[in-house]
Amino acid sequence: MGAEVVMKKCQVILASGSPRRKELLGLIFPDFTVQPSPFDEKSLNPADFSPERLVETLSRCKAETVYNTFCNDNTDCIPILVVGGDTVVVSPDGEVMGKPASSEDAARMLRTLSGRCHRVITGVSFFYRDGEKQKAKTFSVETKVWFYPLSESEISGYLDSGEPFDKAGSYGIQGLGGLLVQKIEGDYWNVVGLPAGRLKRELSACGIL
């Protein structure tokens, strides 16, 4: 019922073009607008941040950029909720892995993760406005993931599928990449790209749902 109340009163916007985040946000809201953020991720140097701080900062900047645009254009003064997210994979050696730059880079990442435990961290931010009432929240969620030991043929076959190239750490647990995963500890949806259960509870705690 909480989600229905928000949908009747509020324009919900996802500040991300990720089809995975779109699917997961749809578990909370049956209707929302997708508006990928124009914020330039390359304006931040990952070396200046811890992985948690990096994804939190990126999610906040992405969401806030879209929020400000919609608020400026919102002549009807209807309530607005903007949600943004960012995910990184942190290797066992502490390397922050984003999307691979090439096939060689993807293969290197998969070899690094092979037979070992790594961390997946997603930062989530939301901005809400209803007249003079404004609320904002940023948080991050971490999940541990263990890969099976991977042979070179397994890595090559996975690369041939084309799946790794738009995903942090060169794999997606919800697709063929799930065959590489031995076990996880924590929130599965966080690894997919949006910890929807935690987000729903944070929205409820802020009185938005």
N, C-alpha and C. Protein backbone atom coordinates (compact mmCIF):
# COMPACT_ATOMS: atom_id res chain seq x y z
N MET A 1 0.83 -1.20 0.00
CA MET A 1 0.00 0.00 0.00
C MET A 1 0.87 1.26 0.00
N GLY A 2 2.03 1.20 0.70
CA GLY A 2 2.88 2.37 0.75
C GLY A 2 3.30 2.83 -0.62
N ALA A 3 3.70 1.87 -1.51
CA ALA A 3 4.13 2.25 -2.85
C ALA A 3 2.98 2.88 -3.62
N GLU A 4 1.75 2.39 -3.43
CA GLU A 4 0.61 2.93 -4.14
C GLU A 4 0.37 4.39 -3.74
N VAL A 5 0.57 4.70 -2.47
CA VAL A 5 0.38 6.07 -2.00
C VAL A 5 1.35 7.00 -2.70
N VAL A 6 2.62 6.57 -2.79
CA VAL A 6 3.62 7.41 -3.44
C VAL A 6 3.28 7.58 -4.91
N MET A 7 2.87 6.53 -5.59
CA MET A 7 2.61 6.61 -7.02
C MET A 7 1.45 7.55 -7.33
N LYS A 8 0.51 7.68 -6.44
CA LYS A 8 -0.62 8.58 -6.67
C LYS A 8 -0.20 10.04 -6.50
N LYS A 9 0.84 10.29 -5.71
CA LYS A 9 1.18 11.65 -5.33
C LYS A 9 2.50 12.15 -5.92
N CYS A 10 3.33 11.26 -6.44
CA CYS A 10 4.73 11.61 -6.67
C CYS A 10 5.22 11.13 -8.04
N GLN A 11 6.04 11.96 -8.68
CA GLN A 11 6.73 11.55 -9.90
C GLN A 11 8.05 10.90 -9.50
N VAL A 12 8.21 9.63 -9.84
CA VAL A 12 9.41 8.88 -9.48
C VAL A 12 10.32 8.79 -10.70
N ILE A 13 11.60 9.09 -10.51
CA ILE A 13 12.56 9.13 -11.61
C ILE A 13 13.78 8.30 -11.23
N LEU A 14 14.19 7.40 -12.11
CA LEU A 14 15.42 6.64 -11.95
C LEU A 14 16.52 7.32 -12.73
N ALA A 15 17.56 7.80 -12.04
CA ALA A 15 18.66 8.53 -12.68
C ALA A 15 19.73 7.56 -13.17
N SER A 16 19.31 6.55 -13.92
CA SER A 16 20.23 5.52 -14.41
C SER A 16 19.62 4.85 -15.64
N GLY A 17 20.46 4.55 -16.62
CA GLY A 17 20.00 3.83 -17.80
C GLY A 17 20.16 2.33 -17.68
N SER A 18 20.59 1.83 -16.52
CA SER A 18 20.82 0.41 -16.34
C SER A 18 19.51 -0.37 -16.39
N PRO A 19 19.40 -1.33 -17.30
CA PRO A 19 18.18 -2.14 -17.33
C PRO A 19 18.00 -2.98 -16.07
N ARG A 20 19.10 -3.29 -15.39
CA ARG A 20 19.01 -4.08 -14.16
C ARG A 20 18.42 -3.23 -13.03
N ARG A 21 18.87 -1.99 -12.92
CA ARG A 21 18.29 -1.12 -11.89
C ARG A 21 16.82 -0.81 -12.21
N LYS A 22 16.53 -0.66 -13.47
CA LYS A 22 15.14 -0.40 -13.87
C LYS A 22 14.24 -1.55 -13.43
N GLU A 23 14.68 -2.77 -13.67
CA GLU A 23 13.89 -3.93 -13.28
C GLU A 23 13.69 -3.99 -11.77
N LEU A 24 14.74 -3.71 -11.02
CA LEU A 24 14.66 -3.81 -9.56
C LEU A 24 13.84 -2.68 -8.95
N LEU A 25 13.96 -1.46 -9.50
CA LEU A 25 13.14 -0.37 -8.97
C LEU A 25 11.66 -0.65 -9.24
N GLY A 26 11.39 -1.40 -10.31
CA GLY A 26 10.02 -1.76 -10.63
C GLY A 26 9.38 -2.67 -9.59
N LEU A 27 10.19 -3.28 -8.74
CA LEU A 27 9.64 -4.08 -7.65
C LEU A 27 9.00 -3.20 -6.58
N ILE A 28 9.44 -1.94 -6.51
CA ILE A 28 8.90 -1.00 -5.53
C ILE A 28 7.83 -0.11 -6.16
N PHE A 29 8.11 0.39 -7.37
CA PHE A 29 7.21 1.32 -8.04
C PHE A 29 6.75 0.74 -9.38
N PRO A 30 5.46 0.61 -9.59
CA PRO A 30 4.98 0.06 -10.86
C PRO A 30 5.13 1.03 -12.02
N ASP A 31 5.33 2.31 -11.74
CA ASP A 31 5.42 3.30 -12.81
C ASP A 31 6.44 4.37 -12.43
N PHE A 32 7.41 4.59 -13.29
CA PHE A 32 8.41 5.62 -13.04
C PHE A 32 9.07 6.00 -14.35
N THR A 33 9.78 7.12 -14.33
CA THR A 33 10.48 7.64 -15.50
C THR A 33 11.96 7.30 -15.40
N VAL A 34 12.57 6.91 -16.52
CA VAL A 34 14.01 6.67 -16.58
C VAL A 34 14.67 7.88 -17.22
N GLN A 35 15.59 8.49 -16.49
CA GLN A 35 16.34 9.64 -17.00
C GLN A 35 17.81 9.48 -16.62
N PRO A 36 18.60 8.85 -17.50
CA PRO A 36 20.03 8.68 -17.17
C PRO A 36 20.68 10.02 -16.85
N SER A 37 21.51 10.01 -15.83
CA SER A 37 22.14 11.25 -15.38
C SER A 37 23.27 11.68 -16.32
N PRO A 38 23.36 12.97 -16.61
CA PRO A 38 24.47 13.47 -17.44
C PRO A 38 25.75 13.68 -16.64
N PHE A 39 25.73 13.38 -15.34
CA PHE A 39 26.93 13.60 -14.53
C PHE A 39 28.09 12.79 -15.08
N ASP A 40 29.24 13.41 -15.20
CA ASP A 40 30.44 12.78 -15.75
C ASP A 40 31.20 12.03 -14.66
N GLU A 41 31.12 10.69 -14.70
CA GLU A 41 31.81 9.88 -13.69
C GLU A 41 33.31 10.10 -13.71
N LYS A 42 33.85 10.44 -14.88
CA LYS A 42 35.30 10.60 -15.00
C LYS A 42 35.80 11.87 -14.31
N SER A 43 34.87 12.70 -13.85
CA SER A 43 35.28 13.90 -13.12
C SER A 43 35.78 13.57 -11.72
N LEU A 44 35.54 12.34 -11.28
CA LEU A 44 36.03 11.89 -9.98
C LEU A 44 37.17 10.90 -10.17
N ASN A 45 38.17 11.02 -9.35
CA ASN A 45 39.31 10.09 -9.37
C ASN A 45 39.07 9.01 -8.31
N PRO A 46 38.84 7.75 -8.73
CA PRO A 46 38.58 6.69 -7.75
C PRO A 46 39.65 6.56 -6.68
N ALA A 47 40.89 6.93 -7.01
CA ALA A 47 41.98 6.81 -6.04
C ALA A 47 41.81 7.76 -4.86
N ASP A 48 40.94 8.76 -5.00
CA ASP A 48 40.73 9.73 -3.93
C ASP A 48 39.69 9.27 -2.91
N PHE A 49 39.07 8.10 -3.16
CA PHE A 49 37.96 7.66 -2.32
C PHE A 49 38.14 6.19 -1.91
N SER A 50 37.57 5.85 -0.76
CA SER A 50 37.38 4.43 -0.46
C SER A 50 36.29 3.92 -1.38
N PRO A 51 36.20 2.60 -1.64
CA PRO A 51 35.14 2.09 -2.52
C PRO A 51 33.74 2.49 -2.07
N GLU A 52 33.49 2.44 -0.75
CA GLU A 52 32.17 2.82 -0.24
C GLU A 52 31.89 4.29 -0.50
N ARG A 53 32.87 5.12 -0.22
CA ARG A 53 32.71 6.56 -0.43
C ARG A 53 32.56 6.88 -1.91
N LEU A 54 33.25 6.14 -2.77
CA LEU A 54 33.17 6.38 -4.20
C LEU A 54 31.76 6.14 -4.73
N VAL A 55 31.18 4.97 -4.42
CA VAL A 55 29.85 4.68 -4.95
C VAL A 55 28.79 5.58 -4.32
N GLU A 56 28.98 5.95 -3.07
CA GLU A 56 28.04 6.87 -2.44
C GLU A 56 28.10 8.24 -3.12
N THR A 57 29.31 8.71 -3.39
CA THR A 57 29.47 10.02 -4.03
C THR A 57 28.91 10.00 -5.45
N LEU A 58 29.21 8.95 -6.20
CA LEU A 58 28.71 8.85 -7.57
C LEU A 58 27.19 8.77 -7.60
N SER A 59 26.62 7.97 -6.72
CA SER A 59 25.15 7.84 -6.72
C SER A 59 24.50 9.16 -6.35
N ARG A 60 25.10 9.87 -5.41
CA ARG A 60 24.54 11.15 -4.99
C ARG A 60 24.65 12.20 -6.10
N CYS A 61 25.80 12.27 -6.75
CA CYS A 61 25.98 13.25 -7.83
C CYS A 61 25.04 12.96 -9.00
N LYS A 62 24.89 11.69 -9.34
CA LYS A 62 23.99 11.33 -10.43
C LYS A 62 22.55 11.69 -10.11
N ALA A 63 22.11 11.32 -8.92
CA ALA A 63 20.73 11.59 -8.55
C ALA A 63 20.47 13.09 -8.40
N GLU A 64 21.41 13.79 -7.79
CA GLU A 64 21.20 15.22 -7.54
C GLU A 64 21.15 16.02 -8.84
N THR A 65 21.97 15.63 -9.83
CA THR A 65 21.96 16.32 -11.11
C THR A 65 20.59 16.21 -11.77
N VAL A 66 20.03 15.02 -11.79
CA VAL A 66 18.70 14.82 -12.37
C VAL A 66 17.63 15.50 -11.53
N TYR A 67 17.74 15.41 -10.23
CA TYR A 67 16.78 16.04 -9.31
C TYR A 67 16.70 17.54 -9.56
N ASN A 68 17.85 18.19 -9.67
CA ASN A 68 17.87 19.64 -9.88
C ASN A 68 17.22 20.01 -11.21
N THR A 69 17.47 19.21 -12.23
CA THR A 69 16.87 19.47 -13.54
C THR A 69 15.36 19.36 -13.48
N PHE A 70 14.86 18.29 -12.87
CA PHE A 70 13.42 18.10 -12.80
C PHE A 70 12.75 19.14 -11.91
N CYS A 71 13.42 19.53 -10.84
CA CYS A 71 12.84 20.54 -9.96
C CYS A 71 12.72 21.88 -10.69
N ASN A 72 13.72 22.22 -11.49
CA ASN A 72 13.68 23.48 -12.23
C ASN A 72 12.60 23.47 -13.30
N ASP A 73 12.34 22.27 -13.87
CA ASP A 73 11.35 22.16 -14.95
C ASP A 73 9.95 21.85 -14.44
N ASN A 74 9.82 21.60 -13.16
CA ASN A 74 8.55 21.15 -12.60
C ASN A 74 7.64 22.34 -12.28
N THR A 75 6.91 22.79 -13.28
CA THR A 75 6.03 23.94 -13.09
C THR A 75 4.73 23.56 -12.40
N ASP A 76 4.40 22.27 -12.38
CA ASP A 76 3.16 21.82 -11.74
C ASP A 76 3.32 21.63 -10.23
N CYS A 77 4.55 21.70 -9.75
CA CYS A 77 4.84 21.58 -8.32
C CYS A 77 4.37 20.25 -7.73
N ILE A 78 4.41 19.18 -8.52
CA ILE A 78 4.05 17.88 -7.99
C ILE A 78 5.27 17.31 -7.25
N PRO A 79 5.05 16.45 -6.24
CA PRO A 79 6.18 15.84 -5.52
C PRO A 79 7.07 15.04 -6.48
N ILE A 80 8.36 15.06 -6.20
CA ILE A 80 9.36 14.39 -7.03
C ILE A 80 10.25 13.51 -6.16
N LEU A 81 10.52 12.30 -6.63
CA LEU A 81 11.49 11.41 -6.00
C LEU A 81 12.46 10.94 -7.07
N VAL A 82 13.75 11.21 -6.88
CA VAL A 82 14.79 10.78 -7.82
C VAL A 82 15.70 9.77 -7.12
N VAL A 83 15.93 8.64 -7.76
CA VAL A 83 16.78 7.58 -7.22
C VAL A 83 17.98 7.37 -8.14
N GLY A 84 19.17 7.34 -7.57
CA GLY A 84 20.38 7.08 -8.34
C GLY A 84 21.20 5.98 -7.70
N GLY A 85 22.02 5.32 -8.49
CA GLY A 85 22.85 4.24 -7.94
C GLY A 85 24.15 4.08 -8.70
N ASP A 86 25.11 3.45 -8.06
CA ASP A 86 26.38 3.12 -8.70
C ASP A 86 26.97 1.90 -8.02
N THR A 87 27.54 1.00 -8.82
CA THR A 87 28.07 -0.26 -8.30
C THR A 87 29.52 -0.47 -8.73
N VAL A 88 30.34 -0.93 -7.80
CA VAL A 88 31.71 -1.33 -8.14
C VAL A 88 31.99 -2.71 -7.58
N VAL A 89 32.92 -3.38 -8.22
CA VAL A 89 33.45 -4.65 -7.73
C VAL A 89 34.85 -4.36 -7.17
N VAL A 90 35.12 -4.85 -5.98
CA VAL A 90 36.43 -4.66 -5.36
C VAL A 90 37.13 -6.02 -5.31
N SER A 91 38.24 -6.13 -5.99
CA SER A 91 38.95 -7.39 -6.08
C SER A 91 39.53 -7.81 -4.74
N PRO A 92 39.94 -9.07 -4.61
CA PRO A 92 40.58 -9.51 -3.36
C PRO A 92 41.83 -8.70 -3.02
N ASP A 93 42.43 -8.07 -4.04
CA ASP A 93 43.63 -7.27 -3.83
C ASP A 93 43.32 -5.79 -3.61
N GLY A 94 42.02 -5.45 -3.56
CA GLY A 94 41.64 -4.07 -3.29
C GLY A 94 41.45 -3.19 -4.51
N GLU A 95 41.57 -3.75 -5.70
CA GLU A 95 41.36 -2.95 -6.92
C GLU A 95 39.88 -2.69 -7.11
N VAL A 96 39.54 -1.43 -7.38
CA VAL A 96 38.16 -1.07 -7.70
C VAL A 96 37.93 -1.32 -9.19
N MET A 97 37.03 -2.24 -9.48
CA MET A 97 36.79 -2.64 -10.86
C MET A 97 35.48 -2.05 -11.36
N GLY A 98 35.59 -1.24 -12.40
CA GLY A 98 34.40 -0.75 -13.08
C GLY A 98 34.13 -1.62 -14.30
N LYS A 99 33.54 -1.02 -15.33
CA LYS A 99 33.31 -1.77 -16.56
C LYS A 99 34.63 -1.93 -17.30
N PRO A 100 34.87 -3.08 -17.93
CA PRO A 100 36.14 -3.31 -18.61
C PRO A 100 36.30 -2.42 -19.84
N ALA A 101 37.54 -2.02 -20.09
CA ALA A 101 37.82 -1.15 -21.23
C ALA A 101 38.01 -1.93 -22.53
N SER A 102 38.24 -3.24 -22.42
CA SER A 102 38.52 -4.07 -23.59
C SER A 102 38.33 -5.53 -23.22
N SER A 103 38.44 -6.41 -24.22
CA SER A 103 38.38 -7.85 -23.97
C SER A 103 39.53 -8.29 -23.07
N GLU A 104 40.70 -7.72 -23.31
CA GLU A 104 41.86 -8.07 -22.50
C GLU A 104 41.66 -7.65 -21.05
N ASP A 105 41.07 -6.48 -20.86
CA ASP A 105 40.82 -5.99 -19.51
C ASP A 105 39.78 -6.87 -18.81
N ALA A 106 38.74 -7.27 -19.54
CA ALA A 106 37.72 -8.15 -18.97
C ALA A 106 38.31 -9.49 -18.56
N ALA A 107 39.17 -10.05 -19.42
CA ALA A 107 39.80 -11.33 -19.11
C ALA A 107 40.69 -11.21 -17.87
N ARG A 108 41.40 -10.09 -17.77
CA ARG A 108 42.26 -9.86 -16.61
C ARG A 108 41.43 -9.82 -15.32
N MET A 109 40.30 -9.12 -15.38
CA MET A 109 39.44 -9.04 -14.19
C MET A 109 38.94 -10.42 -13.78
N LEU A 110 38.48 -11.20 -14.74
CA LEU A 110 37.95 -12.52 -14.43
C LEU A 110 39.03 -13.43 -13.86
N ARG A 111 40.24 -13.33 -14.37
CA ARG A 111 41.34 -14.12 -13.81
C ARG A 111 41.63 -13.71 -12.37
N THR A 112 41.54 -12.41 -12.11
CA THR A 112 41.79 -11.91 -10.77
C THR A 112 40.76 -12.43 -9.77
N LEU A 113 39.50 -12.55 -10.22
CA LEU A 113 38.42 -13.00 -9.34
C LEU A 113 38.35 -14.52 -9.23
N SER A 114 38.97 -15.21 -10.15
CA SER A 114 38.89 -16.67 -10.21
C SER A 114 39.30 -17.35 -8.90
N GLY A 115 38.40 -18.17 -8.35
CA GLY A 115 38.69 -18.96 -7.17
C GLY A 115 38.84 -18.16 -5.88
N ARG A 116 38.38 -16.92 -5.88
CA ARG A 116 38.60 -16.04 -4.73
C ARG A 116 37.32 -15.30 -4.34
N CYS A 117 37.37 -14.66 -3.19
CA CYS A 117 36.25 -13.85 -2.70
C CYS A 117 36.51 -12.38 -3.03
N HIS A 118 35.47 -11.71 -3.55
CA HIS A 118 35.56 -10.27 -3.78
C HIS A 118 34.33 -9.59 -3.21
N ARG A 119 34.34 -8.26 -3.23
CA ARG A 119 33.23 -7.48 -2.69
C ARG A 119 32.51 -6.73 -3.80
N VAL A 120 31.19 -6.68 -3.70
CA VAL A 120 30.38 -5.86 -4.60
C VAL A 120 29.71 -4.80 -3.72
N ILE A 121 29.93 -3.54 -4.07
CA ILE A 121 29.40 -2.43 -3.27
C ILE A 121 28.55 -1.54 -4.15
N THR A 122 27.33 -1.30 -3.73
CA THR A 122 26.43 -0.40 -4.44
C THR A 122 26.08 0.78 -3.56
N GLY A 123 26.24 1.97 -4.12
CA GLY A 123 25.80 3.18 -3.46
C GLY A 123 24.44 3.59 -4.01
N VAL A 124 23.56 4.03 -3.14
CA VAL A 124 22.22 4.46 -3.54
C VAL A 124 21.93 5.82 -2.92
N SER A 125 21.36 6.71 -3.70
CA SER A 125 20.94 8.02 -3.20
C SER A 125 19.54 8.32 -3.69
N PHE A 126 18.78 9.00 -2.85
CA PHE A 126 17.50 9.52 -3.34
C PHE A 126 17.28 10.93 -2.82
N PHE A 127 16.59 11.72 -3.65
CA PHE A 127 16.22 13.09 -3.34
C PHE A 127 14.72 13.22 -3.52
N TYR A 128 14.08 13.83 -2.54
CA TYR A 128 12.62 13.92 -2.54
C TYR A 128 12.20 15.35 -2.23
N ARG A 129 11.21 15.84 -2.96
CA ARG A 129 10.67 17.16 -2.67
C ARG A 129 9.16 17.14 -2.80
N ASP A 130 8.51 17.70 -1.80
CA ASP A 130 7.06 17.87 -1.82
C ASP A 130 6.77 19.26 -1.29
N GLY A 131 6.66 20.23 -2.20
CA GLY A 131 6.51 21.62 -1.79
C GLY A 131 7.77 22.10 -1.09
N GLU A 132 7.62 22.57 0.13
CA GLU A 132 8.77 23.04 0.92
C GLU A 132 9.49 21.88 1.62
N LYS A 133 8.88 20.72 1.63
CA LYS A 133 9.45 19.55 2.30
C LYS A 133 10.47 18.87 1.38
N GLN A 134 11.70 18.73 1.87
CA GLN A 134 12.76 18.09 1.09
C GLN A 134 13.48 17.06 1.96
N LYS A 135 13.80 15.94 1.34
CA LYS A 135 14.54 14.88 2.04
C LYS A 135 15.55 14.27 1.09
N ALA A 136 16.68 13.83 1.65
CA ALA A 136 17.71 13.17 0.85
C ALA A 136 18.42 12.14 1.72
N LYS A 137 18.88 11.08 1.08
CA LYS A 137 19.58 10.03 1.82
C LYS A 137 20.54 9.32 0.88
N THR A 138 21.71 8.99 1.40
CA THR A 138 22.70 8.21 0.67
C THR A 138 23.19 7.08 1.57
N PHE A 139 23.32 5.89 0.99
CA PHE A 139 23.85 4.75 1.75
C PHE A 139 24.53 3.79 0.78
N SER A 140 25.25 2.85 1.32
CA SER A 140 25.88 1.81 0.49
C SER A 140 25.67 0.45 1.12
N VAL A 141 25.67 -0.56 0.28
CA VAL A 141 25.47 -1.94 0.72
C VAL A 141 26.58 -2.80 0.12
N GLU A 142 27.14 -3.70 0.93
CA GLU A 142 28.22 -4.57 0.47
C GLU A 142 27.79 -6.04 0.50
N THR A 143 28.16 -6.77 -0.54
CA THR A 143 27.93 -8.21 -0.61
C THR A 143 29.24 -8.89 -0.97
N LYS A 144 29.53 -10.02 -0.33
CA LYS A 144 30.72 -10.80 -0.66
C LYS A 144 30.35 -11.90 -1.66
N VAL A 145 31.20 -12.08 -2.66
CA VAL A 145 30.94 -13.06 -3.72
C VAL A 145 32.19 -13.92 -3.92
N TRP A 146 31.99 -15.22 -3.98
CA TRP A 146 33.09 -16.16 -4.24
C TRP A 146 32.91 -16.75 -5.63
N PHE A 147 33.98 -16.73 -6.43
CA PHE A 147 33.99 -17.36 -7.74
C PHE A 147 34.57 -18.77 -7.66
N TYR A 148 34.05 -19.64 -8.51
CA TYR A 148 34.73 -20.91 -8.73
C TYR A 148 36.08 -20.63 -9.41
N PRO A 149 37.06 -21.53 -9.28
CA PRO A 149 38.26 -21.40 -10.11
C PRO A 149 37.87 -21.50 -11.59
N LEU A 150 38.34 -20.57 -12.40
CA LEU A 150 37.94 -20.51 -13.79
C LEU A 150 39.08 -20.95 -14.71
N SER A 151 38.76 -21.79 -15.66
CA SER A 151 39.74 -22.18 -16.67
C SER A 151 39.78 -21.10 -17.75
N GLU A 152 40.83 -21.12 -18.54
CA GLU A 152 40.94 -20.16 -19.64
C GLU A 152 39.82 -20.35 -20.66
N SER A 153 39.39 -21.58 -20.85
CA SER A 153 38.29 -21.83 -21.80
C SER A 153 36.98 -21.27 -21.26
N GLU A 154 36.77 -21.35 -19.94
CA GLU A 154 35.57 -20.77 -19.34
C GLU A 154 35.58 -19.25 -19.51
N ILE A 155 36.72 -18.64 -19.27
CA ILE A 155 36.83 -17.19 -19.41
C ILE A 155 36.60 -16.79 -20.86
N SER A 156 37.22 -17.51 -21.79
CA SER A 156 37.07 -17.20 -23.20
C SER A 156 35.62 -17.36 -23.65
N GLY A 157 34.98 -18.43 -23.21
CA GLY A 157 33.59 -18.66 -23.58
C GLY A 157 32.67 -17.59 -23.04
N TYR A 158 32.94 -17.13 -21.82
CA TYR A 158 32.11 -16.08 -21.23
C TYR A 158 32.31 -14.76 -21.98
N LEU A 159 33.55 -14.46 -22.34
CA LEU A 159 33.81 -13.26 -23.12
C LEU A 159 33.11 -13.31 -24.47
N ASP A 160 33.08 -14.48 -25.09
CA ASP A 160 32.43 -14.63 -26.40
C ASP A 160 30.93 -14.35 -26.33
N SER A 161 30.34 -14.51 -25.14
CA SER A 161 28.91 -14.25 -25.00
C SER A 161 28.59 -12.75 -25.10
N GLY A 162 29.60 -11.91 -24.88
CA GLY A 162 29.40 -10.46 -24.92
C GLY A 162 28.83 -9.89 -23.64
N GLU A 163 28.48 -10.74 -22.71
CA GLU A 163 27.82 -10.28 -21.49
C GLU A 163 28.68 -9.42 -20.58
N PRO A 164 30.00 -9.68 -20.48
CA PRO A 164 30.79 -8.97 -19.46
C PRO A 164 31.02 -7.49 -19.70
N PHE A 165 30.79 -6.99 -20.90
CA PHE A 165 31.36 -5.70 -21.28
C PHE A 165 30.62 -4.47 -20.79
N ASP A 166 29.43 -4.60 -20.28
CA ASP A 166 28.74 -3.43 -19.73
C ASP A 166 28.52 -3.57 -18.23
N LYS A 167 29.36 -4.38 -17.60
CA LYS A 167 29.15 -4.70 -16.19
C LYS A 167 30.43 -4.49 -15.37
N ALA A 168 30.28 -3.91 -14.21
CA ALA A 168 31.42 -3.74 -13.31
C ALA A 168 32.01 -5.10 -12.95
N GLY A 169 33.32 -5.19 -13.02
CA GLY A 169 33.98 -6.45 -12.70
C GLY A 169 33.86 -7.49 -13.79
N SER A 170 33.24 -7.14 -14.91
CA SER A 170 33.13 -8.03 -16.09
C SER A 170 32.22 -9.22 -15.90
N TYR A 171 31.23 -9.11 -15.01
CA TYR A 171 30.26 -10.20 -14.92
C TYR A 171 28.94 -9.69 -14.37
N GLY A 172 27.87 -10.41 -14.68
CA GLY A 172 26.56 -10.13 -14.12
C GLY A 172 26.02 -11.40 -13.50
N ILE A 173 25.72 -11.37 -12.23
CA ILE A 173 25.29 -12.58 -11.53
C ILE A 173 23.93 -13.08 -12.01
N GLN A 174 23.13 -12.19 -12.59
CA GLN A 174 21.78 -12.58 -12.99
C GLN A 174 21.75 -13.25 -14.37
N GLY A 175 22.90 -13.29 -15.06
CA GLY A 175 22.96 -13.91 -16.38
C GLY A 175 23.89 -15.12 -16.37
N LEU A 176 24.61 -15.29 -17.47
CA LEU A 176 25.56 -16.40 -17.56
C LEU A 176 26.65 -16.31 -16.50
N GLY A 177 26.91 -15.09 -16.04
CA GLY A 177 27.92 -14.90 -15.01
C GLY A 177 27.58 -15.63 -13.72
N GLY A 178 26.30 -15.93 -13.52
CA GLY A 178 25.91 -16.68 -12.33
C GLY A 178 26.53 -18.06 -12.29
N LEU A 179 26.91 -18.59 -13.45
CA LEU A 179 27.56 -19.91 -13.50
C LEU A 179 28.98 -19.87 -12.94
N LEU A 180 29.54 -18.66 -12.82
CA LEU A 180 30.89 -18.51 -12.28
C LEU A 180 30.91 -18.40 -10.76
N VAL A 181 29.72 -18.14 -10.18
CA VAL A 181 29.62 -17.81 -8.76
C VAL A 181 29.42 -19.07 -7.91
N GLN A 182 30.31 -19.26 -6.97
CA GLN A 182 30.21 -20.40 -6.06
C GLN A 182 29.25 -20.12 -4.92
N LYS A 183 29.35 -18.93 -4.32
CA LYS A 183 28.42 -18.56 -3.25
C LYS A 183 28.48 -17.05 -3.04
N ILE A 184 27.45 -16.53 -2.36
CA ILE A 184 27.44 -15.13 -1.99
C ILE A 184 27.08 -15.01 -0.52
N GLU A 185 27.49 -13.91 0.07
CA GLU A 185 27.17 -13.61 1.46
C GLU A 185 26.63 -12.18 1.51
N GLY A 186 25.33 -12.06 1.69
CA GLY A 186 24.73 -10.73 1.70
C GLY A 186 23.57 -10.63 0.73
N ASP A 187 23.29 -9.41 0.30
CA ASP A 187 22.13 -9.08 -0.53
C ASP A 187 22.38 -9.44 -1.99
N TYR A 188 21.60 -10.39 -2.51
CA TYR A 188 21.75 -10.81 -3.92
C TYR A 188 21.45 -9.65 -4.86
N TRP A 189 20.36 -8.92 -4.60
CA TRP A 189 19.97 -7.83 -5.49
C TRP A 189 21.02 -6.72 -5.53
N ASN A 190 21.78 -6.59 -4.45
CA ASN A 190 22.87 -5.63 -4.45
C ASN A 190 23.88 -5.96 -5.55
N VAL A 191 24.15 -7.25 -5.74
CA VAL A 191 25.10 -7.67 -6.78
C VAL A 191 24.51 -7.41 -8.16
N VAL A 192 23.20 -7.54 -8.30
CA VAL A 192 22.55 -7.25 -9.58
C VAL A 192 22.64 -5.75 -9.89
N GLY A 193 22.60 -4.90 -8.86
CA GLY A 193 22.79 -3.48 -9.12
C GLY A 193 21.96 -2.51 -8.31
N LEU A 194 21.01 -3.02 -7.50
CA LEU A 194 20.22 -2.12 -6.65
C LEU A 194 19.65 -2.91 -5.48
N PRO A 195 20.06 -2.59 -4.25
CA PRO A 195 19.52 -3.29 -3.08
C PRO A 195 18.10 -2.79 -2.79
N ALA A 196 17.14 -3.32 -3.53
CA ALA A 196 15.77 -2.80 -3.51
C ALA A 196 15.12 -2.91 -2.14
N GLY A 197 15.38 -4.00 -1.43
CA GLY A 197 14.80 -4.16 -0.10
C GLY A 197 15.27 -3.08 0.86
N ARG A 198 16.56 -2.79 0.86
CA ARG A 198 17.10 -1.73 1.73
C ARG A 198 16.54 -0.38 1.30
N LEU A 199 16.47 -0.13 -0.02
CA LEU A 199 15.93 1.14 -0.51
C LEU A 199 14.50 1.34 -0.04
N LYS A 200 13.68 0.31 -0.15
CA LYS A 200 12.28 0.42 0.28
C LYS A 200 12.19 0.80 1.75
N ARG A 201 13.04 0.21 2.56
CA ARG A 201 13.00 0.50 3.99
C ARG A 201 13.51 1.90 4.31
N GLU A 202 14.50 2.37 3.55
CA GLU A 202 14.99 3.73 3.76
C GLU A 202 13.91 4.75 3.36
N LEU A 203 13.21 4.48 2.27
CA LEU A 203 12.12 5.37 1.86
C LEU A 203 11.01 5.39 2.91
N SER A 204 10.71 4.23 3.46
CA SER A 204 9.69 4.16 4.50
C SER A 204 10.11 4.93 5.75
N ALA A 205 11.39 4.79 6.13
CA ALA A 205 11.88 5.47 7.32
C ALA A 205 11.83 6.99 7.17
N CYS A 206 11.92 7.47 5.92
CA CYS A 206 11.84 8.90 5.67
C CYS A 206 10.41 9.38 5.48
N GLY A 207 9.45 8.47 5.57
CA GLY A 207 8.05 8.84 5.43
C GLY A 207 7.63 9.06 3.99
N ILE A 208 8.41 8.55 3.03
CA ILE A 208 8.08 8.71 1.61
C ILE A 208 7.15 7.59 1.15
N LEU A 209 7.36 6.39 1.67
CA LEU A 209 6.46 5.26 1.38
C LEU A 209 5.47 5.09 2.53
